[in-house]
């Protein structure tokens, strides 16, 4: 048989995308890539599950998705009994598999069997379980980190959203594997490193380009994050509460997905701000979200867990001055004058920004390299390279 890498193709490169947590930034990035890559010579079959109960998605999504993949492959074979002319791999339903880390890729490949046999695989690490806070609280939780490791070993290419994510994952693997009582695998981090690279997640600038920058009489601070403990809303409310107690004039907008476990606490803390609070809750649309960001002067992160932080980059693009902790992935993305080290420094930096409002758009250049227009060529190059394995 001729070398598939040398074969010219007329048909699109066919991709099977697996996303068991189809919501938030995972959904936005995947949908955006599909919409922009299909005109460039790709065709996608997409298997998704709703964004609920992420632990159960990691534990069981491979079973559901393998069944669906087998059905799709059988339908393709029935439609193309002699293969598909012009394809890079004419006898396969797909040329490449693209999976997020919420699917156990090793289990999926085993369960899907011949439907995906010999199809090269890419796994995208939006996050990794070895760096999550409060991990290893029980032996059962070890499985999530193992899923990341086995998925990486199953893939031809591992893509990480930041160097922090990649380096942290590799650094933690040897210590984690030493938890094995015996038969500890060797050289795992080195094998994964050899197949890994950093490719940031892109965002769509269009909603923000269409939202005019507006500024009210009082400086406005926005906190655009999921309402969960790892985003540390308590630290944010403590900071703005201290500034309110000083009598400073400013406004606060709380935007982000709420969860039953934390919603009451966030609403209670937000209500203590009185008339300084101008918005609470997830905006109803991207356009509404863009308008909210465009109305703010300062965007704040207090995250204890962040592997990239699309919300903060979107806020910077929309015109806000970002203020982020000097930890996690943030030093990779933001200059020192936009980072703080301690809670006291957060309060002090906010006080200064309230006193001297930043000009709109001063940080937009930080976000511009991460738009779909800038990053889709990186993705298409990786997909083509892996498909031509």
Protein backbone atom coordinates (compact mmCIF):
# COMPACT_ATOMS: atom_id res chain seq x y z
CA UNK A 1 0.00 0.00 0.00
CA UNK A 2 1.24 3.50 -0.74
CA UNK A 3 2.31 5.85 2.00
CA UNK A 4 -0.87 7.62 3.27
CA UNK A 5 1.16 10.72 4.07
CA UNK A 6 2.12 11.04 0.41
CA UNK A 7 -1.39 10.38 -0.97
CA UNK A 8 -3.18 13.47 -2.26
CA UNK A 9 -6.71 13.85 -0.92
CA UNK A 10 -9.84 15.39 -2.38
CA UNK A 11 -12.16 14.47 0.50
CA UNK A 12 -12.01 16.16 3.90
CA UNK A 13 -9.99 14.83 6.79
CA UNK A 14 -12.64 13.16 8.95
CA UNK A 15 -12.48 13.79 12.70
CA UNK A 16 -14.30 12.03 15.52
CA UNK A 17 -14.55 14.53 18.40
CA UNK A 18 -15.32 13.30 21.93
CA UNK A 19 -16.48 15.77 24.60
CA UNK A 20 -18.28 14.27 27.61
CA UNK A 21 -18.49 17.67 29.34
CA UNK A 22 -20.09 19.73 26.58
CA UNK A 23 -20.45 23.11 28.25
CA UNK A 24 -18.62 26.29 29.16
CA UNK A 25 -15.22 26.81 27.59
CA UNK A 26 -15.05 23.17 26.46
CA UNK A 27 -18.12 23.68 24.27
CA UNK A 28 -17.14 27.15 23.08
CA UNK A 29 -13.70 26.02 21.94
CA UNK A 30 -14.92 22.82 20.27
CA UNK A 31 -17.81 24.51 18.46
CA UNK A 32 -15.55 27.32 17.33
CA UNK A 33 -12.93 24.95 15.98
CA UNK A 34 -15.48 22.88 14.09
CA UNK A 35 -17.08 25.92 12.51
CA UNK A 36 -13.74 27.28 11.33
CA UNK A 37 -11.97 24.05 10.41
CA UNK A 38 -14.71 22.49 8.29
CA UNK A 39 -14.24 25.08 5.49
CA UNK A 40 -10.51 24.27 5.60
CA UNK A 41 -10.87 20.61 4.64
CA UNK A 42 -12.14 18.85 7.77
CA UNK A 43 -15.38 17.03 8.54
CA UNK A 44 -16.45 16.31 12.12
CA UNK A 45 -18.57 13.69 13.81
CA UNK A 46 -19.14 14.92 17.36
CA UNK A 47 -20.11 12.82 20.38
CA UNK A 48 -21.06 14.82 23.47
CA UNK A 49 -22.74 14.53 26.86
CA UNK A 50 -24.29 17.32 28.96
CA UNK A 51 -21.94 19.21 31.35
CA UNK A 52 -23.02 17.55 34.59
CA UNK A 53 -21.29 15.41 37.24
CA UNK A 54 -17.79 15.59 35.78
CA UNK A 55 -16.53 12.73 37.93
CA UNK A 56 -19.13 10.39 36.50
CA UNK A 57 -18.32 11.61 33.01
CA UNK A 58 -14.70 10.54 33.53
CA UNK A 59 -15.77 7.24 35.02
CA UNK A 60 -18.36 6.18 32.48
CA UNK A 61 -18.50 8.27 29.31
CA UNK A 62 -16.22 5.87 27.43
CA UNK A 63 -18.91 3.18 27.55
CA UNK A 64 -21.60 5.40 26.04
CA UNK A 65 -19.34 6.99 23.46
CA UNK A 66 -17.84 3.68 22.33
CA UNK A 67 -21.32 2.37 21.60
CA UNK A 68 -22.13 5.49 19.61
CA UNK A 69 -18.85 5.32 17.72
CA UNK A 70 -19.45 1.70 16.74
CA UNK A 71 -22.89 2.64 15.40
CA UNK A 72 -21.48 5.57 13.40
CA UNK A 73 -18.68 3.41 11.98
CA UNK A 74 -21.14 0.68 10.97
CA UNK A 75 -23.31 3.24 9.18
CA UNK A 76 -20.25 4.62 7.38
CA UNK A 77 -19.17 1.15 6.25
CA UNK A 78 -22.66 0.44 4.95
CA UNK A 79 -22.62 3.70 3.00
CA UNK A 80 -19.06 3.11 1.70
CA UNK A 81 -18.66 -0.66 1.25
CA UNK A 82 -15.57 -0.21 -0.90
CA UNK A 83 -14.08 2.64 1.10
CA UNK A 84 -14.22 6.33 0.29
CA UNK A 85 -12.22 7.50 -2.68
CA UNK A 86 -9.88 10.45 -2.26
CA UNK A 87 -9.60 10.03 1.49
CA UNK A 88 -6.33 10.06 3.39
CA UNK A 89 -7.38 6.71 4.90
CA UNK A 90 -10.13 5.48 2.56
CA UNK A 91 -10.97 2.36 4.59
CA UNK A 92 -11.60 4.15 7.90
CA UNK A 93 -14.62 6.09 9.09
CA UNK A 94 -12.23 8.66 10.62
CA UNK A 95 -8.72 9.91 10.03
CA UNK A 96 -8.17 11.25 13.55
CA UNK A 97 -9.85 11.18 16.98
CA UNK A 98 -9.91 14.38 19.05
CA UNK A 99 -10.84 13.85 22.72
CA UNK A 100 -10.99 15.95 25.86
CA UNK A 101 -9.63 14.61 29.14
CA UNK A 102 -13.13 13.95 30.48
CA UNK A 103 -13.20 10.73 28.47
CA UNK A 104 -11.02 7.78 29.39
CA UNK A 105 -9.42 7.43 25.97
CA UNK A 106 -7.84 4.06 26.67
CA UNK A 107 -11.19 2.57 27.66
CA UNK A 108 -12.90 4.20 24.70
CA UNK A 109 -10.42 2.74 22.21
CA UNK A 110 -10.71 -0.73 23.75
CA UNK A 111 -14.51 -0.66 23.87
CA UNK A 112 -14.98 0.82 20.39
CA UNK A 113 -12.75 -1.92 18.97
CA UNK A 114 -12.42 -2.14 15.19
CA UNK A 115 -14.53 0.99 14.75
CA UNK A 116 -11.50 3.07 15.74
CA UNK A 117 -8.68 0.59 15.21
CA UNK A 118 -5.55 2.29 13.91
CA UNK A 119 -7.15 5.76 13.97
CA UNK A 120 -4.54 8.18 15.39
CA UNK A 121 -5.62 10.08 18.48
CA UNK A 122 -5.23 13.58 19.96
CA UNK A 123 -6.17 14.37 23.55
CA UNK A 124 -6.63 17.97 24.67
CA UNK A 125 -5.81 18.87 28.26
CA UNK A 126 -7.98 21.83 29.28
CA UNK A 127 -6.94 20.79 32.81
CA UNK A 128 -5.31 17.84 34.54
CA UNK A 129 -6.31 16.00 37.67
CA UNK A 130 -2.80 15.84 39.14
CA UNK A 131 -2.81 19.60 39.74
CA UNK A 132 -6.36 19.98 41.02
CA UNK A 133 -6.60 21.27 44.61
CA UNK A 134 -7.74 18.89 47.33
CA UNK A 135 -6.91 15.84 45.32
CA UNK A 136 -6.27 12.34 46.73
CA UNK A 137 -8.91 12.74 49.45
CA UNK A 138 -9.78 9.07 49.03
CA UNK A 139 -8.35 6.10 47.18
CA UNK A 140 -11.25 6.22 44.72
CA UNK A 141 -10.08 9.67 43.57
CA UNK A 142 -6.78 8.26 42.33
CA UNK A 143 -8.65 7.01 39.29
CA UNK A 144 -9.11 10.51 37.85
CA UNK A 145 -5.37 11.14 37.67
CA UNK A 146 -4.83 7.66 36.26
CA UNK A 147 -7.42 8.39 33.57
CA UNK A 148 -5.40 11.43 32.50
CA UNK A 149 -2.21 9.40 32.42
CA UNK A 150 -3.62 6.45 30.48
CA UNK A 151 -5.38 8.79 28.03
CA UNK A 152 -2.07 10.56 27.38
CA UNK A 153 -0.33 7.22 26.81
CA UNK A 154 -3.09 6.19 24.38
CA UNK A 155 -2.79 9.34 22.26
CA UNK A 156 -0.34 10.06 19.48
CA UNK A 157 -0.41 13.74 20.46
CA UNK A 158 -1.22 15.47 23.75
CA UNK A 159 -2.14 19.15 23.56
CA UNK A 160 -2.01 21.34 26.67
CA UNK A 161 -3.49 24.80 26.97
CA UNK A 162 -0.49 26.26 28.85
CA UNK A 163 3.07 25.39 29.72
CA UNK A 164 1.98 25.49 33.37
CA UNK A 165 -0.51 22.70 32.66
CA UNK A 166 2.00 20.58 30.74
CA UNK A 167 4.98 21.06 33.05
CA UNK A 168 2.88 20.57 36.18
CA UNK A 169 1.35 17.36 34.86
CA UNK A 170 4.73 15.89 33.92
CA UNK A 171 6.31 16.92 37.23
CA UNK A 172 3.57 15.26 39.29
CA UNK A 173 3.51 11.94 37.45
CA UNK A 174 6.57 10.27 39.09
CA UNK A 175 5.40 11.04 42.63
CA UNK A 176 1.89 9.88 41.84
CA UNK A 177 3.09 6.59 40.41
CA UNK A 178 5.16 5.98 43.54
CA UNK A 179 1.81 5.57 45.31
CA UNK A 180 1.50 2.22 43.55
CA UNK A 181 2.17 -0.56 46.10
CA UNK A 182 4.37 -2.37 43.55
CA UNK A 183 4.97 -2.72 39.79
CA UNK A 184 5.45 1.02 39.49
CA UNK A 185 5.64 2.09 35.83
CA UNK A 186 8.89 3.75 34.78
CA UNK A 187 9.52 6.48 32.22
CA UNK A 188 5.88 7.48 31.92
CA UNK A 189 6.44 11.23 32.17
CA UNK A 190 9.20 11.04 29.57
CA UNK A 191 6.99 9.12 27.14
CA UNK A 192 4.18 11.63 27.54
CA UNK A 193 6.56 14.60 27.22
CA UNK A 194 7.77 13.29 23.87
CA UNK A 195 4.26 13.46 22.42
CA UNK A 196 3.14 16.73 24.01
CA UNK A 197 2.99 20.38 23.00
CA UNK A 198 1.27 23.60 24.09
CA UNK A 199 -1.60 24.87 21.92
CA UNK A 200 -3.75 27.52 23.65
CA UNK A 201 -7.55 27.48 23.47
CA UNK A 202 -8.97 30.19 21.20
CA UNK A 203 -11.91 32.51 21.84
CA UNK A 204 -14.32 34.30 19.52
CA UNK A 205 -13.75 38.07 19.58
CA UNK A 206 -16.87 38.91 17.55
CA UNK A 207 -19.27 39.48 20.49
CA UNK A 208 -16.75 41.81 22.12
CA UNK A 209 -16.00 43.67 18.90
CA UNK A 210 -19.72 44.34 18.64
CA UNK A 211 -20.12 45.61 22.20
CA UNK A 212 -19.36 49.33 22.56
CA UNK A 213 -17.20 50.24 25.55
CA UNK A 214 -19.28 52.13 28.11
CA UNK A 215 -18.21 53.65 31.39
CA UNK A 216 -20.54 54.87 34.15
CA UNK A 217 -19.80 57.48 36.81
CA UNK A 218 -18.32 54.88 39.20
CA UNK A 219 -15.48 52.44 38.45
CA UNK A 220 -16.87 48.95 37.88
CA UNK A 221 -15.20 45.70 38.96
CA UNK A 222 -16.29 42.44 37.32
CA UNK A 223 -15.68 38.90 38.63
CA UNK A 224 -16.41 36.65 35.59
CA UNK A 225 -16.03 33.12 36.93
CA UNK A 226 -17.83 29.91 37.81
CA UNK A 227 -19.24 30.12 41.33
CA UNK A 228 -17.16 27.31 42.79
CA UNK A 229 -14.70 27.00 45.65
CA UNK A 230 -11.68 26.65 43.37
CA UNK A 231 -12.33 30.15 42.03
CA UNK A 232 -12.28 31.45 45.64
CA UNK A 233 -15.21 33.89 45.61
CA UNK A 234 -14.63 34.45 49.34
CA UNK A 235 -11.31 36.17 48.61
CA UNK A 236 -12.95 38.45 46.07
CA UNK A 237 -15.79 39.47 48.36
CA UNK A 238 -13.38 40.03 51.23
CA UNK A 239 -11.37 42.43 49.04
CA UNK A 240 -14.29 44.47 47.72
CA UNK A 241 -15.93 44.36 51.15
CA UNK A 242 -12.83 45.94 52.70
CA UNK A 243 -12.86 48.69 50.07
CA UNK A 244 -16.56 49.31 50.59
CA UNK A 245 -15.93 49.66 54.33
CA UNK A 246 -13.45 52.42 53.48
CA UNK A 247 -16.25 54.30 51.76
CA UNK A 248 -14.79 54.08 48.26
CA UNK A 249 -17.20 54.58 45.38
CA UNK A 250 -17.28 51.69 42.92
CA UNK A 251 -19.58 49.06 41.44
CA UNK A 252 -19.39 45.28 41.33
CA UNK A 253 -20.71 42.86 38.69
CA UNK A 254 -20.70 39.13 39.42
CA UNK A 255 -20.95 37.06 36.24
CA UNK A 256 -20.57 33.32 35.83
CA UNK A 257 -22.30 29.97 36.03
CA UNK A 258 -23.85 29.25 39.41
CA UNK A 259 -24.06 25.90 41.19
CA UNK A 260 -26.49 24.73 43.83
CA UNK A 261 -23.73 24.16 46.39
CA UNK A 262 -22.36 27.71 46.25
CA UNK A 263 -25.12 29.94 44.91
CA UNK A 264 -26.60 30.88 48.29
CA UNK A 265 -23.18 31.84 49.70
CA UNK A 266 -22.31 34.01 46.70
CA UNK A 267 -25.67 35.74 46.64
CA UNK A 268 -25.45 36.42 50.38
CA UNK A 269 -21.95 37.87 50.07
CA UNK A 270 -22.92 39.93 47.04
CA UNK A 271 -25.98 41.36 48.79
CA UNK A 272 -23.73 42.81 51.50
CA UNK A 273 -22.42 45.25 48.89
CA UNK A 274 -25.73 47.10 48.76
CA UNK A 275 -26.14 49.51 45.86
CA UNK A 276 -22.57 48.86 44.74
CA UNK A 277 -23.81 45.54 43.35
CA UNK A 278 -25.10 46.10 39.81
CA UNK A 279 -25.22 42.54 38.46
CA UNK A 280 -25.36 39.00 39.86
CA UNK A 281 -25.67 35.85 37.78
CA UNK A 282 -24.73 34.32 34.47
CA UNK A 283 -25.72 36.60 31.56
CA UNK A 284 -28.43 35.20 29.32
CA UNK A 285 -26.41 35.38 26.09
CA UNK A 286 -22.92 35.98 24.76
CA UNK A 287 -23.99 39.41 23.58
CA UNK A 288 -25.24 40.31 27.06
CA UNK A 289 -22.03 38.96 28.57
CA UNK A 290 -19.95 41.03 26.14
CA UNK A 291 -21.90 44.18 27.02
CA UNK A 292 -21.34 43.51 30.72
CA UNK A 293 -17.58 43.13 30.25
CA UNK A 294 -17.47 46.22 28.05
CA UNK A 295 -19.09 48.21 30.87
CA UNK A 296 -16.41 47.25 33.42
CA UNK A 297 -13.09 48.90 34.21
CA UNK A 298 -11.39 46.06 36.08
CA UNK A 299 -11.67 42.26 35.86
CA UNK A 300 -10.48 40.24 38.85
CA UNK A 301 -9.47 36.63 39.32
CA UNK A 302 -8.98 35.07 42.75
CA UNK A 303 -8.66 31.53 41.40
CA UNK A 304 -6.95 28.76 43.33
CA UNK A 305 -7.26 26.52 40.30
CA UNK A 306 -6.84 27.82 36.77
CA UNK A 307 -5.13 26.19 33.82
CA UNK A 308 -5.73 29.01 31.34
CA UNK A 309 -8.58 31.37 32.18
CA UNK A 310 -10.52 32.25 29.03
CA UNK A 311 -12.89 34.50 30.98
CA UNK A 312 -10.07 36.81 32.03
CA UNK A 313 -8.65 37.01 28.51
CA UNK A 314 -12.10 37.83 27.15
CA UNK A 315 -12.43 40.56 29.76
CA UNK A 316 -9.05 41.98 28.75
CA UNK A 317 -10.10 41.92 25.10
CA UNK A 318 -13.40 43.61 25.97
CA UNK A 319 -11.57 46.54 27.54
CA UNK A 320 -11.04 45.65 31.21
CA UNK A 321 -7.78 45.97 33.10
CA UNK A 322 -7.09 42.42 34.37
CA UNK A 323 -5.92 41.79 37.92
CA UNK A 324 -4.84 38.18 38.50
CA UNK A 325 -2.99 36.22 41.22
CA UNK A 326 0.70 35.61 40.74
CA UNK A 327 0.30 31.83 40.51
CA UNK A 328 -1.05 28.99 38.37
CA UNK A 329 -1.05 29.77 34.62
CA UNK A 330 -1.34 33.52 35.05
CA UNK A 331 2.40 34.44 35.06
CA UNK A 332 2.57 32.84 31.62
CA UNK A 333 -0.09 35.17 30.24
CA UNK A 334 0.03 38.47 32.16
CA UNK A 335 2.84 40.91 32.98
CA UNK A 336 3.90 41.50 36.57
CA UNK A 337 2.03 44.80 36.89
CA UNK A 338 -1.26 42.95 36.35
CA UNK A 339 -0.57 40.32 39.02
CA UNK A 340 -0.80 40.39 42.82
CA UNK A 341 0.74 38.10 45.42
CA UNK A 342 -1.29 38.41 48.62
CA UNK A 343 -4.79 39.36 49.69
CA UNK A 344 -3.42 42.65 50.96
CA UNK A 345 -1.85 43.35 47.58
CA UNK A 346 -5.15 42.59 45.88
CA UNK A 347 -6.90 45.17 48.05
CA UNK A 348 -4.14 47.71 47.48
CA UNK A 349 -4.13 47.23 43.69
CA UNK A 350 -7.91 47.53 43.53
CA UNK A 351 -7.78 50.67 45.65
CA UNK A 352 -5.31 52.22 43.20
CA UNK A 353 -7.35 51.24 40.16
CA UNK A 354 -10.50 52.68 41.69
CA UNK A 355 -8.72 55.92 42.49
CA UNK A 356 -7.22 56.17 39.00
CA UNK A 357 -9.48 54.40 36.53
CA UNK A 358 -7.56 52.55 33.82
CA UNK A 359 -8.12 53.58 30.22
CA UNK A 360 -10.37 51.13 28.31
CA UNK A 361 -8.51 48.56 26.24
CA UNK A 362 -5.10 48.91 27.84
CA UNK A 363 -4.76 45.10 28.04
CA UNK A 364 -6.40 44.15 24.76
CA UNK A 365 -3.07 43.33 23.13
CA UNK A 366 -2.57 40.56 25.71
CA UNK A 367 -5.68 38.75 24.47
CA UNK A 368 -5.37 39.29 20.72
CA UNK A 369 -2.99 36.33 20.09
CA UNK A 370 -5.65 33.92 21.40
CA UNK A 371 -8.47 34.52 18.93
CA UNK A 372 -9.71 31.77 16.61
CA UNK A 373 -8.28 33.66 13.64
CA UNK A 374 -4.81 33.52 15.16
CA UNK A 375 -4.92 29.95 16.52
CA UNK A 376 -6.93 27.87 14.03
CA UNK A 377 -3.84 27.48 11.78
CA UNK A 378 -2.05 25.83 14.73
CA UNK A 379 -4.91 23.36 15.18
CA UNK A 380 -5.20 22.51 11.50
CA UNK A 381 -1.45 21.87 11.33
CA UNK A 382 -1.57 19.50 14.30
CA UNK A 383 -4.64 17.65 13.01
CA UNK A 384 -3.13 17.18 9.57
CA UNK A 385 0.18 16.06 11.02
CA UNK A 386 -1.45 13.46 13.28
CA UNK A 387 -3.87 12.26 10.58
CA UNK A 388 -0.91 11.64 8.24
CA UNK A 389 0.85 9.53 10.87
